[in-house]
Amino acid sequence: MSDKAVFRASLPMILSAIKVSGDGGARIQFDVPDSDLAEALKLLLWRERVLVMTVEPEPQKGDGPS
């Protein structure tokens, strides 16, 4: 299994999707579609590890070249 997980996700439409802690840090929730679930489940293998995250928006119709 690759040491990489690539999947589409979105922030849920709830106020608590991003929670900022008073003592530092934050907790972020993502919704993952069924079509990407197998890839997202790789995260279960890395529960005890620090992850390096890169997040970028998926291009939409009308977006110019990146």
Protein backbone atom coordinates (compact mmCIF):
# COMPACT_ATOMS: atom_id res chain seq x y z
CA MET A 1 0.00 0.00 0.00
CA SER A 2 1.26 3.45 -0.90
CA ASP A 3 2.30 5.91 1.81
CA LYS A 4 -0.09 8.42 0.30
CA ALA A 5 -3.85 8.92 0.30
CA VAL A 6 -5.48 11.11 -2.33
CA PHE A 7 -9.23 11.68 -2.20
CA ARG A 8 -11.87 14.35 -2.69
CA ALA A 9 -13.58 15.81 0.35
CA SER A 10 -15.61 18.81 1.39
CA LEU A 11 -16.27 20.65 4.62
CA PRO A 12 -19.70 19.76 5.98
CA MET A 13 -22.29 22.54 6.14
CA ILE A 14 -22.22 22.68 9.94
CA LEU A 15 -20.85 25.37 12.24
CA SER A 16 -18.63 22.88 14.03
CA ALA A 17 -16.75 21.75 10.88
CA ILE A 18 -13.71 23.71 12.07
CA LYS A 19 -13.20 23.89 15.82
CA VAL A 20 -10.42 26.05 17.24
CA SER A 21 -9.19 24.99 20.66
CA GLY A 22 -8.59 27.53 23.41
CA ASP A 23 -5.28 25.88 24.30
CA GLY A 24 -3.98 25.79 20.73
CA GLY A 25 -4.68 23.69 17.68
CA ALA A 26 -7.81 22.92 15.72
CA ARG A 27 -10.02 20.00 14.69
CA ILE A 28 -11.36 19.85 11.13
CA GLN A 29 -14.06 17.53 9.81
CA PHE A 30 -14.38 16.46 6.17
CA ASP A 31 -17.15 14.71 4.24
CA VAL A 32 -15.78 12.09 1.83
CA PRO A 33 -17.97 10.71 -1.00
CA ASP A 34 -18.42 6.93 -1.28
CA SER A 35 -16.41 6.96 -4.51
CA ASP A 36 -13.31 8.08 -2.55
CA LEU A 37 -13.92 6.19 0.69
CA ALA A 38 -11.41 3.37 0.08
CA GLU A 39 -8.61 5.89 -0.33
CA ALA A 40 -9.68 7.91 2.73
CA LEU A 41 -9.76 4.77 4.88
CA LYS A 42 -5.97 4.57 4.58
CA LEU A 43 -5.97 7.23 7.29
CA LEU A 44 -7.01 4.54 9.78
CA LEU A 45 -3.57 2.96 9.38
CA TRP A 46 -1.88 6.22 10.33
CA ARG A 47 -3.88 7.12 13.46
CA GLU A 48 -0.77 7.17 15.67
CA ARG A 49 1.34 9.20 13.22
CA VAL A 50 1.67 12.88 12.48
CA LEU A 51 0.37 13.59 8.96
CA VAL A 52 1.56 16.21 6.50
CA MET A 53 -1.54 17.68 4.86
CA THR A 54 -1.84 19.56 1.57
CA VAL A 55 -5.29 20.86 0.67
CA GLU A 56 -6.21 22.50 -2.62
CA PRO A 57 -9.59 23.17 -4.23
CA GLU A 58 -10.63 20.94 -7.12
CA PRO A 59 -10.82 22.95 -10.35
CA GLN A 60 -14.32 24.04 -11.34
CA LYS A 61 -15.74 24.78 -14.75
CA GLY A 62 -14.59 28.19 -15.86
CA ASP A 63 -11.37 28.10 -13.87
CA GLY A 64 -8.42 29.13 -15.95
CA PRO A 65 -5.22 27.12 -16.29
CA SER A 66 -3.32 26.71 -13.03
